[in-house]
Amino acid sequence: MTNAYDIILRPIITEQSMEGVADKKYVFEVAKTAGKSEIKKAVEEIFDVKVQKVNTLNMIGKEKRMGAHPKGRRKNWKKAMVQLKPDSKTIEFFEGMI
């Protein structure tokens, strides 16, 4: 059994992801093997909120290169967009970033 902190790796703080905070939509980088139900339980356990819906997306790593060196690639990762229930409290971590 995995720990909730092994499933939720980090929050995604971008302009686009911060637009959804007012509607109680939050974006996280999650473990590649995590399913929607595991992500829902982990967010509810860590932040003590009620999750309504979870959408996931597998992000493909970008190709990068440095000068004449051979091409490299950033790692592939998984993104989860979490929608909280209307009667749920907000996640305090995102409060000061709006």
N, C-alpha and C. Protein backbone atom coordinates (compact mmCIF):
# COMPACT_ATOMS: atom_id res chain seq x y z
N MET A 1 0.84 -1.19 0.00
CA MET A 1 0.00 0.00 0.00
C MET A 1 0.88 1.24 0.00
N THR A 2 0.56 2.19 -0.87
CA THR A 2 1.37 3.40 -0.96
C THR A 2 0.82 4.49 -0.06
N ASN A 3 1.70 5.37 0.31
CA ASN A 3 1.38 6.51 1.16
C ASN A 3 0.73 7.59 0.28
N ALA A 4 -0.10 8.44 0.86
CA ALA A 4 -0.75 9.52 0.11
C ALA A 4 0.29 10.49 -0.45
N TYR A 5 1.39 10.67 0.25
CA TYR A 5 2.43 11.57 -0.20
C TYR A 5 3.27 10.96 -1.33
N ASP A 6 3.17 9.65 -1.54
CA ASP A 6 3.81 9.01 -2.68
C ASP A 6 2.98 9.17 -3.95
N ILE A 7 1.70 9.44 -3.80
CA ILE A 7 0.80 9.61 -4.94
C ILE A 7 0.81 11.06 -5.41
N ILE A 8 0.62 12.02 -4.49
CA ILE A 8 0.64 13.45 -4.83
C ILE A 8 2.08 13.92 -4.71
N LEU A 9 2.73 14.22 -5.84
CA LEU A 9 4.14 14.58 -5.82
C LEU A 9 4.36 16.07 -5.58
N ARG A 10 3.61 16.92 -6.30
CA ARG A 10 3.78 18.37 -6.12
C ARG A 10 2.62 19.09 -6.77
N PRO A 11 2.31 20.30 -6.30
CA PRO A 11 1.28 21.11 -6.98
C PRO A 11 1.88 21.75 -8.23
N ILE A 12 1.05 22.00 -9.21
CA ILE A 12 1.47 22.70 -10.42
C ILE A 12 1.03 24.15 -10.29
N ILE A 13 2.01 25.05 -10.24
CA ILE A 13 1.73 26.48 -10.05
C ILE A 13 2.06 27.20 -11.36
N THR A 14 1.04 27.40 -12.18
CA THR A 14 1.20 28.15 -13.43
C THR A 14 0.04 29.14 -13.53
N GLU A 15 0.15 30.06 -14.48
CA GLU A 15 -0.92 31.03 -14.69
C GLU A 15 -2.23 30.32 -15.01
N GLN A 16 -2.15 29.34 -15.89
CA GLN A 16 -3.35 28.64 -16.33
C GLN A 16 -3.98 27.84 -15.19
N SER A 17 -3.15 27.19 -14.38
CA SER A 17 -3.71 26.39 -13.29
C SER A 17 -4.28 27.27 -12.17
N MET A 18 -3.75 28.48 -12.01
CA MET A 18 -4.23 29.37 -10.96
C MET A 18 -5.58 29.99 -11.30
N GLU A 19 -5.95 30.00 -12.59
CA GLU A 19 -7.26 30.53 -12.99
C GLU A 19 -8.40 29.69 -12.42
N GLY A 20 -8.17 28.40 -12.21
CA GLY A 20 -9.21 27.51 -11.72
C GLY A 20 -9.37 27.51 -10.22
N VAL A 21 -8.47 28.13 -9.48
CA VAL A 21 -8.52 28.10 -8.02
C VAL A 21 -9.80 28.75 -7.50
N ALA A 22 -10.29 29.77 -8.16
CA ALA A 22 -11.53 30.42 -7.73
C ALA A 22 -12.72 29.47 -7.84
N ASP A 23 -12.66 28.51 -8.77
CA ASP A 23 -13.72 27.53 -8.96
C ASP A 23 -13.43 26.22 -8.22
N LYS A 24 -12.44 26.24 -7.33
CA LYS A 24 -12.01 25.07 -6.55
C LYS A 24 -11.49 23.95 -7.45
N LYS A 25 -10.71 24.34 -8.46
CA LYS A 25 -10.03 23.37 -9.34
C LYS A 25 -8.54 23.51 -9.10
N TYR A 26 -7.89 22.39 -8.79
CA TYR A 26 -6.47 22.39 -8.47
C TYR A 26 -5.74 21.37 -9.33
N VAL A 27 -4.46 21.64 -9.61
CA VAL A 27 -3.68 20.79 -10.50
C VAL A 27 -2.45 20.27 -9.73
N PHE A 28 -2.19 18.96 -9.86
CA PHE A 28 -1.07 18.33 -9.17
C PHE A 28 -0.31 17.42 -10.12
N GLU A 29 0.99 17.26 -9.87
CA GLU A 29 1.74 16.20 -10.51
C GLU A 29 1.59 14.98 -9.62
N VAL A 30 1.23 13.85 -10.21
CA VAL A 30 0.97 12.64 -9.44
C VAL A 30 1.84 11.50 -9.96
N ALA A 31 1.89 10.41 -9.21
CA ALA A 31 2.63 9.23 -9.62
C ALA A 31 2.04 8.67 -10.91
N LYS A 32 2.90 8.17 -11.80
CA LYS A 32 2.44 7.69 -13.10
C LYS A 32 1.54 6.47 -12.98
N THR A 33 1.66 5.73 -11.90
CA THR A 33 0.86 4.51 -11.73
C THR A 33 -0.43 4.75 -10.97
N ALA A 34 -0.67 5.97 -10.50
CA ALA A 34 -1.84 6.27 -9.67
C ALA A 34 -3.11 6.35 -10.52
N GLY A 35 -4.19 5.78 -10.00
CA GLY A 35 -5.50 5.87 -10.65
C GLY A 35 -6.30 7.01 -10.06
N LYS A 36 -7.45 7.30 -10.67
CA LYS A 36 -8.28 8.42 -10.23
C LYS A 36 -8.78 8.23 -8.81
N SER A 37 -9.18 7.03 -8.45
CA SER A 37 -9.70 6.80 -7.09
C SER A 37 -8.59 6.95 -6.06
N GLU A 38 -7.37 6.52 -6.39
CA GLU A 38 -6.24 6.69 -5.47
C GLU A 38 -5.90 8.16 -5.29
N ILE A 39 -5.95 8.93 -6.38
CA ILE A 39 -5.67 10.36 -6.32
C ILE A 39 -6.71 11.07 -5.47
N LYS A 40 -7.98 10.70 -5.65
CA LYS A 40 -9.06 11.29 -4.87
C LYS A 40 -8.86 11.05 -3.39
N LYS A 41 -8.56 9.81 -3.00
CA LYS A 41 -8.35 9.48 -1.58
C LYS A 41 -7.14 10.23 -1.02
N ALA A 42 -6.07 10.33 -1.81
CA ALA A 42 -4.86 11.00 -1.34
C ALA A 42 -5.09 12.49 -1.11
N VAL A 43 -5.79 13.16 -2.03
CA VAL A 43 -6.08 14.60 -1.86
C VAL A 43 -6.98 14.82 -0.66
N GLU A 44 -8.00 13.97 -0.49
CA GLU A 44 -8.89 14.10 0.67
C GLU A 44 -8.15 13.88 1.97
N GLU A 45 -7.19 12.95 1.98
CA GLU A 45 -6.44 12.66 3.20
C GLU A 45 -5.45 13.78 3.53
N ILE A 46 -4.73 14.26 2.54
CA ILE A 46 -3.69 15.27 2.78
C ILE A 46 -4.28 16.63 3.14
N PHE A 47 -5.28 17.09 2.38
CA PHE A 47 -5.79 18.45 2.53
C PHE A 47 -7.11 18.52 3.29
N ASP A 48 -7.69 17.40 3.66
CA ASP A 48 -8.94 17.35 4.42
C ASP A 48 -10.06 18.10 3.70
N VAL A 49 -10.29 17.75 2.44
CA VAL A 49 -11.32 18.34 1.61
C VAL A 49 -12.18 17.23 1.00
N LYS A 50 -13.26 17.61 0.31
CA LYS A 50 -14.12 16.66 -0.38
C LYS A 50 -13.94 16.83 -1.88
N VAL A 51 -13.53 15.77 -2.56
CA VAL A 51 -13.26 15.82 -4.00
C VAL A 51 -14.50 15.38 -4.76
N GLN A 52 -14.87 16.16 -5.78
CA GLN A 52 -16.01 15.83 -6.62
C GLN A 52 -15.58 15.02 -7.84
N LYS A 53 -14.49 15.46 -8.50
CA LYS A 53 -14.09 14.84 -9.76
C LYS A 53 -12.59 14.94 -9.94
N VAL A 54 -12.00 13.93 -10.59
CA VAL A 54 -10.58 13.93 -10.90
C VAL A 54 -10.41 13.62 -12.39
N ASN A 55 -9.66 14.46 -13.09
CA ASN A 55 -9.27 14.20 -14.47
C ASN A 55 -7.77 14.02 -14.50
N THR A 56 -7.29 13.05 -15.29
CA THR A 56 -5.85 12.82 -15.38
C THR A 56 -5.39 12.96 -16.81
N LEU A 57 -4.11 13.25 -16.96
CA LEU A 57 -3.53 13.46 -18.28
C LEU A 57 -2.07 13.03 -18.22
N ASN A 58 -1.66 12.16 -19.15
CA ASN A 58 -0.25 11.77 -19.24
C ASN A 58 0.47 12.79 -20.09
N MET A 59 1.48 13.44 -19.51
CA MET A 59 2.24 14.47 -20.20
C MET A 59 3.52 13.84 -20.76
N ILE A 60 3.77 14.09 -22.03
CA ILE A 60 4.95 13.55 -22.69
C ILE A 60 6.09 14.55 -22.51
N GLY A 61 7.27 14.06 -22.13
CA GLY A 61 8.43 14.92 -21.92
C GLY A 61 8.89 15.57 -23.21
N LYS A 62 9.31 16.82 -23.11
CA LYS A 62 9.75 17.57 -24.30
C LYS A 62 11.14 17.10 -24.73
N GLU A 63 11.40 17.18 -26.05
CA GLU A 63 12.73 16.93 -26.56
C GLU A 63 13.57 18.18 -26.35
N LYS A 64 14.76 18.00 -25.83
CA LYS A 64 15.67 19.13 -25.58
C LYS A 64 17.05 18.77 -26.10
N ARG A 65 17.84 19.79 -26.43
CA ARG A 65 19.23 19.55 -26.79
C ARG A 65 20.06 20.76 -26.41
N MET A 66 21.33 20.53 -26.22
CA MET A 66 22.26 21.59 -25.86
C MET A 66 23.31 21.69 -26.96
N GLY A 67 23.23 22.72 -27.78
CA GLY A 67 24.22 22.92 -28.84
C GLY A 67 24.27 21.74 -29.79
N ALA A 68 25.48 21.22 -30.00
CA ALA A 68 25.68 20.13 -30.95
C ALA A 68 25.52 18.76 -30.30
N HIS A 69 25.25 18.74 -29.01
CA HIS A 69 25.10 17.45 -28.33
C HIS A 69 23.86 16.72 -28.84
N PRO A 70 23.83 15.42 -28.67
CA PRO A 70 22.65 14.67 -29.13
C PRO A 70 21.40 15.07 -28.36
N LYS A 71 20.27 14.80 -28.98
CA LYS A 71 19.00 15.16 -28.37
C LYS A 71 18.79 14.39 -27.08
N GLY A 72 18.13 15.05 -26.15
CA GLY A 72 17.74 14.42 -24.91
C GLY A 72 16.24 14.60 -24.75
N ARG A 73 15.72 14.08 -23.67
CA ARG A 73 14.29 14.18 -23.46
C ARG A 73 14.03 14.37 -21.97
N ARG A 74 13.09 15.26 -21.65
CA ARG A 74 12.64 15.40 -20.27
C ARG A 74 11.77 14.21 -19.93
N LYS A 75 11.58 13.97 -18.65
CA LYS A 75 10.81 12.80 -18.24
C LYS A 75 9.32 12.96 -18.55
N ASN A 76 8.65 11.84 -18.77
CA ASN A 76 7.20 11.81 -18.90
C ASN A 76 6.61 11.87 -17.49
N TRP A 77 5.44 12.51 -17.35
CA TRP A 77 4.82 12.61 -16.04
C TRP A 77 3.31 12.64 -16.18
N LYS A 78 2.62 12.54 -15.05
CA LYS A 78 1.16 12.49 -15.05
C LYS A 78 0.61 13.68 -14.28
N LYS A 79 -0.41 14.31 -14.86
CA LYS A 79 -1.03 15.49 -14.26
C LYS A 79 -2.46 15.13 -13.86
N ALA A 80 -2.88 15.63 -12.70
CA ALA A 80 -4.25 15.41 -12.23
C ALA A 80 -4.91 16.76 -11.96
N MET A 81 -6.09 16.96 -12.55
CA MET A 81 -6.89 18.14 -12.29
C MET A 81 -8.01 17.72 -11.35
N VAL A 82 -8.04 18.32 -10.16
CA VAL A 82 -8.97 17.91 -9.10
C VAL A 82 -10.02 18.99 -8.91
N GLN A 83 -11.29 18.62 -8.98
CA GLN A 83 -12.42 19.53 -8.74
C GLN A 83 -13.00 19.20 -7.38
N LEU A 84 -13.06 20.20 -6.48
CA LEU A 84 -13.63 19.99 -5.15
C LEU A 84 -15.14 20.21 -5.18
N LYS A 85 -15.83 19.62 -4.21
CA LYS A 85 -17.28 19.82 -4.10
C LYS A 85 -17.55 21.26 -3.67
N PRO A 86 -18.72 21.81 -4.06
CA PRO A 86 -19.03 23.21 -3.70
C PRO A 86 -19.08 23.46 -2.19
N ASP A 87 -19.48 22.48 -1.40
CA ASP A 87 -19.56 22.67 0.05
C ASP A 87 -18.25 22.38 0.76
N SER A 88 -17.21 22.03 0.03
CA SER A 88 -15.91 21.73 0.62
C SER A 88 -15.12 23.01 0.87
N LYS A 89 -14.22 22.96 1.84
CA LYS A 89 -13.35 24.11 2.07
C LYS A 89 -12.27 24.14 1.00
N THR A 90 -11.59 25.27 0.85
CA THR A 90 -10.52 25.40 -0.15
C THR A 90 -9.23 24.83 0.40
N ILE A 91 -8.26 24.62 -0.49
CA ILE A 91 -6.94 24.16 -0.08
C ILE A 91 -6.13 25.39 0.28
N GLU A 92 -5.68 25.48 1.51
CA GLU A 92 -5.01 26.67 2.03
C GLU A 92 -3.68 26.96 1.36
N PHE A 93 -3.02 25.92 0.83
CA PHE A 93 -1.72 26.09 0.20
C PHE A 93 -1.81 27.08 -0.97
N PHE A 94 -2.92 27.08 -1.69
CA PHE A 94 -3.08 27.92 -2.88
C PHE A 94 -3.64 29.30 -2.57
N GLU A 95 -4.02 29.57 -1.33
CA GLU A 95 -4.71 30.81 -0.96
C GLU A 95 -3.94 32.08 -1.34
N GLY A 96 -2.67 32.18 -1.00
CA GLY A 96 -1.93 33.41 -1.20
C GLY A 96 -1.38 33.58 -2.60
N MET A 97 -1.64 32.64 -3.50
CA MET A 97 -1.03 32.69 -4.83
C MET A 97 -1.94 33.27 -5.90
N ILE A 98 -3.16 33.65 -5.54
CA ILE A 98 -4.10 34.16 -6.53
C ILE A 98 -3.82 35.62 -6.81
